[in-house]
PDB file of N, CA and C in Angstrom:
ATOM      1  N   UNK A   1     110.244 140.077  -3.047  1.00  0.00           N
ATOM      2  CA  UNK A   1     110.016 141.050  -2.008  1.00  0.00           C
ATOM      3  C   UNK A   1     111.333 141.311  -1.271  1.00  0.00           C
ATOM      4  N   UNK A   2     111.589 142.548  -0.963  1.00  0.00           N
ATOM      5  CA  UNK A   2     112.787 142.952  -0.223  1.00  0.00           C
ATOM      6  C   UNK A   2     112.388 143.144   1.245  1.00  0.00           C
ATOM      7  N   UNK A   3     113.058 142.407   2.141  1.00  0.00           N
ATOM      8  CA  UNK A   3     112.735 142.426   3.566  1.00  0.00           C
ATOM      9  C   UNK A   3     113.938 142.926   4.361  1.00  0.00           C
ATOM     10  N   UNK A   4     113.713 143.923   5.212  1.00  0.00           N
ATOM     11  CA  UNK A   4     114.762 144.444   6.100  1.00  0.00           C
ATOM     12  C   UNK A   4     114.497 143.933   7.506  1.00  0.00           C
ATOM     13  N   UNK A   5     115.462 143.216   8.091  1.00  0.00           N
ATOM     14  CA  UNK A   5     115.341 142.706   9.456  1.00  0.00           C
ATOM     15  C   UNK A   5     116.288 143.486  10.369  1.00  0.00           C
ATOM     16  N   UNK A   6     115.733 143.990  11.473  1.00  0.00           N
ATOM     17  CA  UNK A   6     116.502 144.845  12.383  1.00  0.00           C
ATOM     18  C   UNK A   6     116.353 144.337  13.817  1.00  0.00           C
ATOM     19  N   UNK A   7     117.416 143.771  14.401  1.00  0.00           N
ATOM     20  CA  UNK A   7     117.341 143.355  15.800  1.00  0.00           C
ATOM     21  C   UNK A   7     117.491 144.567  16.725  1.00  0.00           C
ATOM     22  N   UNK A   8     117.078 144.424  17.969  1.00  0.00           N
ATOM     23  CA  UNK A   8     117.184 145.556  18.893  1.00  0.00           C
ATOM     24  C   UNK A   8     118.631 145.874  19.254  1.00  0.00           C
ATOM     25  N   UNK A   9     118.858 147.137  19.585  1.00  0.00           N
ATOM     26  CA  UNK A   9     120.150 147.559  20.106  1.00  0.00           C
ATOM     27  C   UNK A   9     120.213 147.161  21.580  1.00  0.00           C
ATOM     28  N   UNK A  10     121.232 146.440  21.943  1.00  0.00           N
ATOM     29  CA  UNK A  10     121.372 146.009  23.331  1.00  0.00           C
ATOM     30  C   UNK A  10     121.661 147.209  24.228  1.00  0.00           C
ATOM     31  N   UNK A  11     121.059 147.216  25.390  1.00  0.00           N
ATOM     32  CA  UNK A  11     121.251 148.307  26.363  1.00  0.00           C
ATOM     33  C   UNK A  11     120.939 149.656  25.725  1.00  0.00           C
ATOM     34  N   UNK A  12     119.819 149.719  25.032  1.00  0.00           N
ATOM     35  CA  UNK A  12     119.430 150.894  24.248  1.00  0.00           C
ATOM     36  C   UNK A  12     119.408 152.174  25.065  1.00  0.00           C
ATOM     37  N   UNK A  13     118.985 152.093  26.325  1.00  0.00           N
ATOM     38  CA  UNK A  13     118.860 153.307  27.129  1.00  0.00           C
ATOM     39  C   UNK A  13     120.130 153.657  27.909  1.00  0.00           C
ATOM     40  N   UNK A  14     121.149 152.822  27.836  1.00  0.00           N
ATOM     41  CA  UNK A  14     122.383 153.135  28.562  1.00  0.00           C
ATOM     42  C   UNK A  14     123.256 154.075  27.737  1.00  0.00           C
ATOM     43  N   UNK A  15     124.179 154.777  28.389  1.00  0.00           N
ATOM     44  CA  UNK A  15     125.046 155.714  27.660  1.00  0.00           C
ATOM     45  C   UNK A  15     125.924 155.040  26.602  1.00  0.00           C
ATOM     46  N   UNK A  16     126.327 153.809  26.829  1.00  0.00           N
ATOM     47  CA  UNK A  16     127.158 153.069  25.873  1.00  0.00           C
ATOM     48  C   UNK A  16     126.383 151.842  25.411  1.00  0.00           C
ATOM     49  N   UNK A  17     125.535 151.969  24.397  1.00  0.00           N
ATOM     50  CA  UNK A  17     124.681 150.852  23.989  1.00  0.00           C
ATOM     51  C   UNK A  17     125.379 149.828  23.104  1.00  0.00           C
ATOM     52  N   UNK A  18     126.564 149.447  23.482  1.00  0.00           N
ATOM     53  CA  UNK A  18     127.318 148.521  22.641  1.00  0.00           C
ATOM     54  C   UNK A  18     127.134 147.093  23.107  1.00  0.00           C
ATOM     55  N   UNK A  19     127.235 146.189  22.190  1.00  0.00           N
ATOM     56  CA  UNK A  19     127.050 144.782  22.473  1.00  0.00           C
ATOM     57  C   UNK A  19     128.200 143.997  21.868  1.00  0.00           C
ATOM     58  N   UNK A  20     128.570 142.951  22.530  1.00  0.00           N
ATOM     59  CA  UNK A  20     129.588 142.072  21.965  1.00  0.00           C
ATOM     60  C   UNK A  20     128.943 140.919  21.215  1.00  0.00           C
ATOM     61  N   UNK A  21     127.617 140.933  21.127  1.00  0.00           N
ATOM     62  CA  UNK A  21     126.925 139.822  20.478  1.00  0.00           C
ATOM     63  C   UNK A  21     126.869 140.011  18.965  1.00  0.00           C
ATOM     64  N   UNK A  22     126.654 138.905  18.290  1.00  0.00           N
ATOM     65  CA  UNK A  22     126.485 138.931  16.850  1.00  0.00           C
ATOM     66  C   UNK A  22     125.008 139.146  16.531  1.00  0.00           C
ATOM     67  N   UNK A  23     124.681 139.096  15.265  1.00  0.00           N
ATOM     68  CA  UNK A  23     123.294 139.182  14.832  1.00  0.00           C
ATOM     69  C   UNK A  23     122.525 138.031  15.489  1.00  0.00           C
ATOM     70  N   UNK A  24     121.415 138.295  16.183  1.00  0.00           N
ATOM     71  CA  UNK A  24     120.691 137.239  16.916  1.00  0.00           C
ATOM     72  C   UNK A  24     120.251 136.088  16.008  1.00  0.00           C
ATOM     73  N   UNK A  25     120.337 134.880  16.521  1.00  0.00           N
ATOM     74  CA  UNK A  25     120.031 133.693  15.717  1.00  0.00           C
ATOM     75  C   UNK A  25     118.588 133.662  15.235  1.00  0.00           C
ATOM     76  N   UNK A  26     117.646 134.210  16.001  1.00  0.00           N
ATOM     77  CA  UNK A  26     116.255 134.239  15.568  1.00  0.00           C
ATOM     78  C   UNK A  26     116.079 134.973  14.256  1.00  0.00           C
ATOM     79  N   UNK A  27     116.807 136.061  14.085  1.00  0.00           N
ATOM     80  CA  UNK A  27     116.741 136.817  12.835  1.00  0.00           C
ATOM     81  C   UNK A  27     117.372 136.021  11.697  1.00  0.00           C
ATOM     82  N   UNK A  28     118.403 135.257  12.009  1.00  0.00           N
ATOM     83  CA  UNK A  28     119.036 134.404  10.995  1.00  0.00           C
ATOM     84  C   UNK A  28     118.070 133.306  10.551  1.00  0.00           C
ATOM     85  N   UNK A  29     117.301 132.724  11.492  1.00  0.00           N
ATOM     86  CA  UNK A  29     116.302 131.712  11.138  1.00  0.00           C
ATOM     87  C   UNK A  29     115.233 132.320  10.228  1.00  0.00           C
ATOM     88  N   UNK A  30     114.798 133.527  10.557  1.00  0.00           N
ATOM     89  CA  UNK A  30     113.808 134.208   9.708  1.00  0.00           C
ATOM     90  C   UNK A  30     114.356 134.443   8.311  1.00  0.00           C
ATOM     91  N   UNK A  31     115.575 134.920   8.247  1.00  0.00           N
ATOM     92  CA  UNK A  31     116.197 135.186   6.949  1.00  0.00           C
ATOM     93  C   UNK A  31     116.268 133.904   6.114  1.00  0.00           C
ATOM     94  N   UNK A  32     116.642 132.799   6.751  1.00  0.00           N
ATOM     95  CA  UNK A  32     116.740 131.528   6.032  1.00  0.00           C
ATOM     96  C   UNK A  32     115.378 131.044   5.548  1.00  0.00           C
ATOM     97  N   UNK A  33     114.333 131.304   6.328  1.00  0.00           N
ATOM     98  CA  UNK A  33     112.999 130.842   5.940  1.00  0.00           C
ATOM     99  C   UNK A  33     112.381 131.703   4.838  1.00  0.00           C
ATOM    100  N   UNK A  34     112.947 132.847   4.571  1.00  0.00           N
ATOM    101  CA  UNK A  34     112.438 133.737   3.526  1.00  0.00           C
ATOM    102  C   UNK A  34     113.108 133.467   2.186  1.00  0.00           C
ATOM    103  N   UNK A  35     113.384 132.215   1.927  1.00  0.00           N
ATOM    104  CA  UNK A  35     114.023 131.801   0.689  1.00  0.00           C
ATOM    105  C   UNK A  35     113.222 132.319  -0.505  1.00  0.00           C
ATOM    106  N   UNK A  36     113.910 132.868  -1.473  1.00  0.00           N
ATOM    107  CA  UNK A  36     113.250 133.417  -2.643  1.00  0.00           C
ATOM    108  C   UNK A  36     112.991 134.911  -2.537  1.00  0.00           C
ATOM    109  N   UNK A  37     113.213 135.476  -1.351  1.00  0.00           N
ATOM    110  CA  UNK A  37     113.062 136.912  -1.139  1.00  0.00           C
ATOM    111  C   UNK A  37     114.439 137.510  -0.870  1.00  0.00           C
ATOM    112  N   UNK A  38     114.578 138.782  -1.118  1.00  0.00           N
ATOM    113  CA  UNK A  38     115.831 139.459  -0.802  1.00  0.00           C
ATOM    114  C   UNK A  38     115.762 139.923   0.648  1.00  0.00           C
ATOM    115  N   UNK A  39     116.639 139.382   1.479  1.00  0.00           N
ATOM    116  CA  UNK A  39     116.647 139.722   2.903  1.00  0.00           C
ATOM    117  C   UNK A  39     117.876 140.558   3.209  1.00  0.00           C
ATOM    118  N   UNK A  40     117.638 141.683   3.874  1.00  0.00           N
ATOM    119  CA  UNK A  40     118.715 142.593   4.257  1.00  0.00           C
ATOM    120  C   UNK A  40     118.744 142.649   5.773  1.00  0.00           C
ATOM    121  N   UNK A  41     119.877 142.335   6.355  1.00  0.00           N
ATOM    122  CA  UNK A  41     120.029 142.422   7.804  1.00  0.00           C
ATOM    123  C   UNK A  41     120.731 143.715   8.164  1.00  0.00           C
ATOM    124  N   UNK A  42     120.193 144.379   9.172  1.00  0.00           N
ATOM    125  CA  UNK A  42     120.812 145.622   9.638  1.00  0.00           C
ATOM    126  C   UNK A  42     120.875 145.582  11.153  1.00  0.00           C
ATOM    127  N   UNK A  43     122.076 145.470  11.693  1.00  0.00           N
ATOM    128  CA  UNK A  43     122.251 145.441  13.137  1.00  0.00           C
ATOM    129  C   UNK A  43     122.782 146.791  13.620  1.00  0.00           C
ATOM    130  N   UNK A  44     121.973 147.506  14.415  1.00  0.00           N
ATOM    131  CA  UNK A  44     122.428 148.807  14.909  1.00  0.00           C
ATOM    132  C   UNK A  44     123.358 148.713  16.112  1.00  0.00           C
ATOM    133  N   UNK A  45     123.801 147.526  16.434  1.00  0.00           N
ATOM    134  CA  UNK A  45     124.723 147.357  17.561  1.00  0.00           C
ATOM    135  C   UNK A  45     126.136 147.770  17.165  1.00  0.00           C
ATOM    136  N   UNK A  46     126.824 148.358  18.093  1.00  0.00           N
ATOM    137  CA  UNK A  46     128.234 148.713  17.945  1.00  0.00           C
ATOM    138  C   UNK A  46     128.525 149.823  16.942  1.00  0.00           C
ATOM    139  N   UNK A  47     127.531 150.656  16.647  1.00  0.00           N
ATOM    140  CA  UNK A  47     127.774 151.827  15.804  1.00  0.00           C
ATOM    141  C   UNK A  47     128.160 152.970  16.731  1.00  0.00           C
ATOM    142  N   UNK A  48     129.367 153.463  16.579  1.00  0.00           N
ATOM    143  CA  UNK A  48     129.866 154.501  17.479  1.00  0.00           C
ATOM    144  C   UNK A  48     129.811 155.875  16.823  1.00  0.00           C
ATOM    145  N   UNK A  49     130.036 156.908  17.634  1.00  0.00           N
ATOM    146  CA  UNK A  49     130.153 158.257  17.100  1.00  0.00           C
ATOM    147  C   UNK A  49     128.902 159.106  17.252  1.00  0.00           C
ATOM    148  N   UNK A  50     127.919 158.626  17.992  1.00  0.00           N
ATOM    149  CA  UNK A  50     126.695 159.390  18.219  1.00  0.00           C
ATOM    150  C   UNK A  50     126.541 159.665  19.710  1.00  0.00           C
ATOM    151  N   UNK A  51     125.938 160.802  20.076  1.00  0.00           N
ATOM    152  CA  UNK A  51     125.791 161.128  21.497  1.00  0.00           C
ATOM    153  C   UNK A  51     124.769 160.271  22.239  1.00  0.00           C
ATOM    154  N   UNK A  52     123.845 159.636  21.507  1.00  0.00           N
ATOM    155  CA  UNK A  52     122.867 158.759  22.163  1.00  0.00           C
ATOM    156  C   UNK A  52     122.413 157.676  21.196  1.00  0.00           C
ATOM    157  N   UNK A  53     121.837 156.625  21.753  1.00  0.00           N
ATOM    158  CA  UNK A  53     121.326 155.527  20.929  1.00  0.00           C
ATOM    159  C   UNK A  53     120.195 155.990  20.031  1.00  0.00           C
ATOM    160  N   UNK A  54     119.341 156.844  20.551  1.00  0.00           N
ATOM    161  CA  UNK A  54     118.196 157.305  19.774  1.00  0.00           C
ATOM    162  C   UNK A  54     118.646 158.123  18.554  1.00  0.00           C
ATOM    163  N   UNK A  55     119.628 158.972  18.739  1.00  0.00           N
ATOM    164  CA  UNK A  55     120.156 159.771  17.625  1.00  0.00           C
ATOM    165  C   UNK A  55     120.826 158.850  16.603  1.00  0.00           C
ATOM    166  N   UNK A  56     121.570 157.867  17.094  1.00  0.00           N
ATOM    167  CA  UNK A  56     122.211 156.900  16.203  1.00  0.00           C
ATOM    168  C   UNK A  56     121.155 156.137  15.414  1.00  0.00           C
ATOM    169  N   UNK A  57     120.109 155.664  16.097  1.00  0.00           N
ATOM    170  CA  UNK A  57     119.066 154.897  15.434  1.00  0.00           C
ATOM    171  C   UNK A  57     118.348 155.745  14.385  1.00  0.00           C
ATOM    172  N   UNK A  58     118.051 156.992  14.732  1.00  0.00           N
ATOM    173  CA  UNK A  58     117.390 157.896  13.795  1.00  0.00           C
ATOM    174  C   UNK A  58     118.223 158.049  12.513  1.00  0.00           C
ATOM    175  N   UNK A  59     119.492 158.294  12.668  1.00  0.00           N
ATOM    176  CA  UNK A  59     120.364 158.510  11.507  1.00  0.00           C
ATOM    177  C   UNK A  59     120.583 157.229  10.703  1.00  0.00           C
ATOM    178  N   UNK A  60     120.952 156.163  11.375  1.00  0.00           N
ATOM    179  CA  UNK A  60     121.361 154.940  10.683  1.00  0.00           C
ATOM    180  C   UNK A  60     120.180 154.148  10.117  1.00  0.00           C
ATOM    181  N   UNK A  61     119.092 154.059  10.871  1.00  0.00           N
ATOM    182  CA  UNK A  61     117.936 153.314  10.374  1.00  0.00           C
ATOM    183  C   UNK A  61     117.281 154.061   9.215  1.00  0.00           C
ATOM    184  N   UNK A  62     117.149 155.366   9.348  1.00  0.00           N
ATOM    185  CA  UNK A  62     116.580 156.170   8.260  1.00  0.00           C
ATOM    186  C   UNK A  62     117.396 155.997   6.985  1.00  0.00           C
ATOM    187  N   UNK A  63     118.724 156.055   7.138  1.00  0.00           N
ATOM    188  CA  UNK A  63     119.617 155.912   5.986  1.00  0.00           C
ATOM    189  C   UNK A  63     119.470 154.528   5.345  1.00  0.00           C
ATOM    190  N   UNK A  64     119.398 153.493   6.178  1.00  0.00           N
ATOM    191  CA  UNK A  64     119.293 152.117   5.664  1.00  0.00           C
ATOM    192  C   UNK A  64     117.972 151.904   4.928  1.00  0.00           C
ATOM    193  N   UNK A  65     116.893 152.445   5.467  1.00  0.00           N
ATOM    194  CA  UNK A  65     115.592 152.303   4.816  1.00  0.00           C
ATOM    195  C   UNK A  65     115.574 153.041   3.480  1.00  0.00           C
ATOM    196  N   UNK A  66     116.114 154.235   3.457  1.00  0.00           N
ATOM    197  CA  UNK A  66     116.141 155.007   2.210  1.00  0.00           C
ATOM    198  C   UNK A  66     117.052 154.356   1.170  1.00  0.00           C
ATOM    199  N   UNK A  67     118.140 153.756   1.640  1.00  0.00           N
ATOM    200  CA  UNK A  67     119.099 153.073   0.761  1.00  0.00           C
ATOM    201  C   UNK A  67     118.504 151.819   0.123  1.00  0.00           C
ATOM    202  N   UNK A  68     117.798 151.031   0.921  1.00  0.00           N
ATOM    203  CA  UNK A  68     117.350 149.708   0.480  1.00  0.00           C
ATOM    204  C   UNK A  68     115.904 149.666  -0.009  1.00  0.00           C
ATOM    205  N   UNK A  69     115.090 150.636   0.357  1.00  0.00           N
ATOM    206  CA  UNK A  69     113.671 150.670  -0.047  1.00  0.00           C
ATOM    207  C   UNK A  69     112.988 149.312   0.161  1.00  0.00           C
ATOM    208  N   UNK A  70     112.950 148.822   1.414  1.00  0.00           N
ATOM    209  CA  UNK A  70     112.352 147.502   1.650  1.00  0.00           C
ATOM    210  C   UNK A  70     110.833 147.507   1.470  1.00  0.00           C
ATOM    211  N   UNK A  71     110.292 146.328   1.114  1.00  0.00           N
ATOM    212  CA  UNK A  71     108.847 146.151   0.991  1.00  0.00           C
ATOM    213  C   UNK A  71     108.224 145.780   2.328  1.00  0.00           C
ATOM    214  N   UNK A  72     109.054 145.283   3.250  1.00  0.00           N
ATOM    215  CA  UNK A  72     108.606 144.854   4.571  1.00  0.00           C
ATOM    216  C   UNK A  72     109.749 145.073   5.550  1.00  0.00           C
ATOM    217  N   UNK A  73     109.439 145.527   6.758  1.00  0.00           N
ATOM    218  CA  UNK A  73     110.475 145.773   7.770  1.00  0.00           C
ATOM    219  C   UNK A  73     110.121 144.990   9.017  1.00  0.00           C
ATOM    220  N   UNK A  74     111.061 144.187   9.507  1.00  0.00           N
ATOM    221  CA  UNK A  74     110.817 143.346  10.674  1.00  0.00           C
ATOM    222  C   UNK A  74     111.679 143.739  11.846  1.00  0.00           C
ATOM    223  N   UNK A  75     111.025 143.914  13.000  1.00  0.00           N
ATOM    224  CA  UNK A  75     111.702 144.163  14.279  1.00  0.00           C
ATOM    225  C   UNK A  75     111.308 143.053  15.236  1.00  0.00           C
ATOM    226  N   UNK A  76     112.081 142.889  16.284  1.00  0.00           N
ATOM    227  CA  UNK A  76     111.730 141.918  17.310  1.00  0.00           C
ATOM    228  C   UNK A  76     112.527 142.163  18.560  1.00  0.00           C
ATOM    229  N   UNK A  77     112.111 141.511  19.624  1.00  0.00           N
ATOM    230  CA  UNK A  77     112.835 141.659  20.874  1.00  0.00           C
ATOM    231  C   UNK A  77     112.027 141.183  22.062  1.00  0.00           C
ATOM    232  N   UNK A  78     112.519 141.530  23.214  1.00  0.00           N
ATOM    233  CA  UNK A  78     111.887 141.184  24.484  1.00  0.00           C
ATOM    234  C   UNK A  78     111.188 142.413  25.043  1.00  0.00           C
ATOM    235  N   UNK A  79     110.525 142.250  26.186  1.00  0.00           N
ATOM    236  CA  UNK A  79     109.859 143.404  26.805  1.00  0.00           C
ATOM    237  C   UNK A  79     110.880 144.472  27.209  1.00  0.00           C
ATOM    238  N   UNK A  80     112.095 144.075  27.475  1.00  0.00           N
ATOM    239  CA  UNK A  80     113.137 145.040  27.833  1.00  0.00           C
ATOM    240  C   UNK A  80     113.576 145.884  26.639  1.00  0.00           C
ATOM    241  N   UNK A  81     113.145 145.495  25.449  1.00  0.00           N
ATOM    242  CA  UNK A  81     113.490 146.229  24.226  1.00  0.00           C
ATOM    243  C   UNK A  81     112.382 147.185  23.800  1.00  0.00           C
ATOM    244  N   UNK A  82     111.407 147.417  24.663  1.00  0.00           N
ATOM    245  CA  UNK A  82     110.249 148.231  24.304  1.00  0.00           C
ATOM    246  C   UNK A  82     110.644 149.620  23.789  1.00  0.00           C
ATOM    247  N   UNK A  83     111.538 150.316  24.478  1.00  0.00           N
ATOM    248  CA  UNK A  83     111.931 151.676  24.065  1.00  0.00           C
ATOM    249  C   UNK A  83     112.535 151.654  22.667  1.00  0.00           C
ATOM    250  N   UNK A  84     113.397 150.682  22.406  1.00  0.00           N
ATOM    251  CA  UNK A  84     113.985 150.549  21.073  1.00  0.00           C
ATOM    252  C   UNK A  84     112.907 150.307  20.028  1.00  0.00           C
ATOM    253  N   UNK A  85     112.005 149.371  20.293  1.00  0.00           N
ATOM    254  CA  UNK A  85     110.971 149.016  19.325  1.00  0.00           C
ATOM    255  C   UNK A  85     110.026 150.183  19.049  1.00  0.00           C
ATOM    256  N   UNK A  86     109.699 150.920  20.079  1.00  0.00           N
ATOM    257  CA  UNK A  86     108.824 152.092  19.917  1.00  0.00           C
ATOM    258  C   UNK A  86     109.510 153.149  19.050  1.00  0.00           C
ATOM    259  N   UNK A  87     110.769 153.455  19.373  1.00  0.00           N
ATOM    260  CA  UNK A  87     111.518 154.452  18.603  1.00  0.00           C
ATOM    261  C   UNK A  87     111.758 153.984  17.164  1.00  0.00           C
ATOM    262  N   UNK A  88     112.152 152.726  17.000  1.00  0.00           N
ATOM    263  CA  UNK A  88     112.429 152.195  15.658  1.00  0.00           C
ATOM    264  C   UNK A  88     111.176 152.225  14.787  1.00  0.00           C
ATOM    265  N   UNK A  89     110.036 151.904  15.373  1.00  0.00           N
ATOM    266  CA  UNK A  89     108.777 151.945  14.620  1.00  0.00           C
ATOM    267  C   UNK A  89     108.436 153.367  14.209  1.00  0.00           C
ATOM    268  N   UNK A  90     108.603 154.313  15.119  1.00  0.00           N
ATOM    269  CA  UNK A  90     108.311 155.723  14.808  1.00  0.00           C
ATOM    270  C   UNK A  90     109.260 156.255  13.730  1.00  0.00           C
ATOM    271  N   UNK A  91     110.535 155.918  13.838  1.00  0.00           N
ATOM    272  CA  UNK A  91     111.517 156.346  12.831  1.00  0.00           C
ATOM    273  C   UNK A  91     111.160 155.751  11.473  1.00  0.00           C
ATOM    274  N   UNK A  92     110.829 154.472  11.470  1.00  0.00           N
ATOM    275  CA  UNK A  92     110.457 153.801  10.225  1.00  0.00           C
ATOM    276  C   UNK A  92     109.247 154.477   9.592  1.00  0.00           C
ATOM    277  N   UNK A  93     108.246 154.733  10.397  1.00  0.00           N
ATOM    278  CA  UNK A  93     107.018 155.349   9.885  1.00  0.00           C
ATOM    279  C   UNK A  93     107.270 156.752   9.348  1.00  0.00           C
ATOM    280  N   UNK A  94     108.286 157.441   9.867  1.00  0.00           N
ATOM    281  CA  UNK A  94     108.577 158.794   9.390  1.00  0.00           C
ATOM    282  C   UNK A  94     109.245 158.815   8.015  1.00  0.00           C
ATOM    283  N   UNK A  95     109.845 157.687   7.599  1.00  0.00           N
ATOM    284  CA  UNK A  95     110.546 157.652   6.310  1.00  0.00           C
ATOM    285  C   UNK A  95     109.998 156.629   5.323  1.00  0.00           C
ATOM    286  N   UNK A  96     109.051 155.788   5.772  1.00  0.00           N
ATOM    287  CA  UNK A  96     108.570 154.720   4.898  1.00  0.00           C
ATOM    288  C   UNK A  96     107.128 154.338   5.225  1.00  0.00           C
ATOM    289  N   UNK A  97     106.435 153.891   4.214  1.00  0.00           N
ATOM    290  CA  UNK A  97     105.077 153.380   4.399  1.00  0.00           C
ATOM    291  C   UNK A  97     105.059 151.853   4.328  1.00  0.00           C
ATOM    292  N   UNK A  98     106.227 151.235   4.287  1.00  0.00           N
ATOM    293  CA  UNK A  98     106.311 149.775   4.239  1.00  0.00           C
ATOM    294  C   UNK A  98     105.706 149.171   5.494  1.00  0.00           C
ATOM    295  N   UNK A  99     105.058 148.012   5.379  1.00  0.00           N
ATOM    296  CA  UNK A  99     104.512 147.354   6.562  1.00  0.00           C
ATOM    297  C   UNK A  99     105.620 147.002   7.552  1.00  0.00           C
ATOM    298  N   UNK A 100     105.291 147.090   8.828  1.00  0.00           N
ATOM    299  CA  UNK A 100     106.209 146.723   9.906  1.00  0.00           C
ATOM    300  C   UNK A 100     105.669 145.454  10.554  1.00  0.00           C
ATOM    301  N   UNK A 101     106.537 144.460  10.713  1.00  0.00           N
ATOM    302  CA  UNK A 101     106.168 143.225  11.393  1.00  0.00           C
ATOM    303  C   UNK A 101     106.995 143.148  12.663  1.00  0.00           C
ATOM    304  N   UNK A 102     106.322 142.904  13.776  1.00  0.00           N
ATOM    305  CA  UNK A 102     106.988 142.826  15.071  1.00  0.00           C
ATOM    306  C   UNK A 102     106.892 141.401  15.596  1.00  0.00           C
ATOM    307  N   UNK A 103     108.029 140.856  16.015  1.00  0.00           N
ATOM    308  CA  UNK A 103     108.045 139.493  16.528  1.00  0.00           C
ATOM    309  C   UNK A 103     108.901 139.396  17.778  1.00  0.00           C
ATOM    310  N   UNK A 104     109.101 138.189  18.208  1.00  0.00           N
ATOM    311  CA  UNK A 104     109.878 137.954  19.414  1.00  0.00           C
ATOM    312  C   UNK A 104     108.977 137.836  20.632  1.00  0.00           C
ATOM    313  N   UNK A 105     109.573 137.642  21.786  1.00  0.00           N
ATOM    314  CA  UNK A 105     108.789 137.384  22.989  1.00  0.00           C
ATOM    315  C   UNK A 105     107.960 138.577  23.433  1.00  0.00           C
ATOM    316  N   UNK A 106     108.264 139.774  22.968  1.00  0.00           N
ATOM    317  CA  UNK A 106     107.467 140.917  23.364  1.00  0.00           C
ATOM    318  C   UNK A 106     106.039 140.779  22.842  1.00  0.00           C
ATOM    319  N   UNK A 107     105.853 140.098  21.720  1.00  0.00           N
ATOM    320  CA  UNK A 107     104.498 139.924  21.178  1.00  0.00           C
ATOM    321  C   UNK A 107     104.018 138.474  21.189  1.00  0.00           C
ATOM    322  N   UNK A 108     104.894 137.508  21.372  1.00  0.00           N
ATOM    323  CA  UNK A 108     104.477 136.105  21.319  1.00  0.00           C
ATOM    324  C   UNK A 108     104.456 135.411  22.670  1.00  0.00           C
ATOM    325  N   UNK A 109     104.771 136.099  23.745  1.00  0.00           N
ATOM    326  CA  UNK A 109     104.838 135.466  25.052  1.00  0.00           C
ATOM    327  C   UNK A 109     103.466 135.056  25.573  1.00  0.00           C
ATOM    328  N   UNK A 110     102.460 135.855  25.301  1.00  0.00           N
ATOM    329  CA  UNK A 110     101.106 135.557  25.761  1.00  0.00           C
ATOM    330  C   UNK A 110     100.240 135.129  24.578  1.00  0.00           C
ATOM    331  N   UNK A 111      99.279 134.233  24.832  1.00  0.00           N
ATOM    332  CA  UNK A 111      98.409 133.790  23.723  1.00  0.00           C
ATOM    333  C   UNK A 111      97.560 134.919  23.176  1.00  0.00           C
TER     334      UNK A 111
END
């Protein structure tokens, strides 16, 4: 199975959504636990040249999904990443019928 993991863009709603952080460790743990599957990591952080984060996400995520044809797409984040997760899910659904799995504290904080 081919799995695409996409962490949230930091400061998604700000004019300069750039981050100095690396790929989040939680996504690395997931990738390691998916031994035997092809895992593709795609970090939309620090991609420049677009007028907004949403336009960048639309272009880059769509391209990555079409390029890799994943069987499963994973997103995650905190409640502060809601706008990113909502947009990323809608973009994904517009170009792919692959299942979307959402994780992180936005969905696991409450029982």
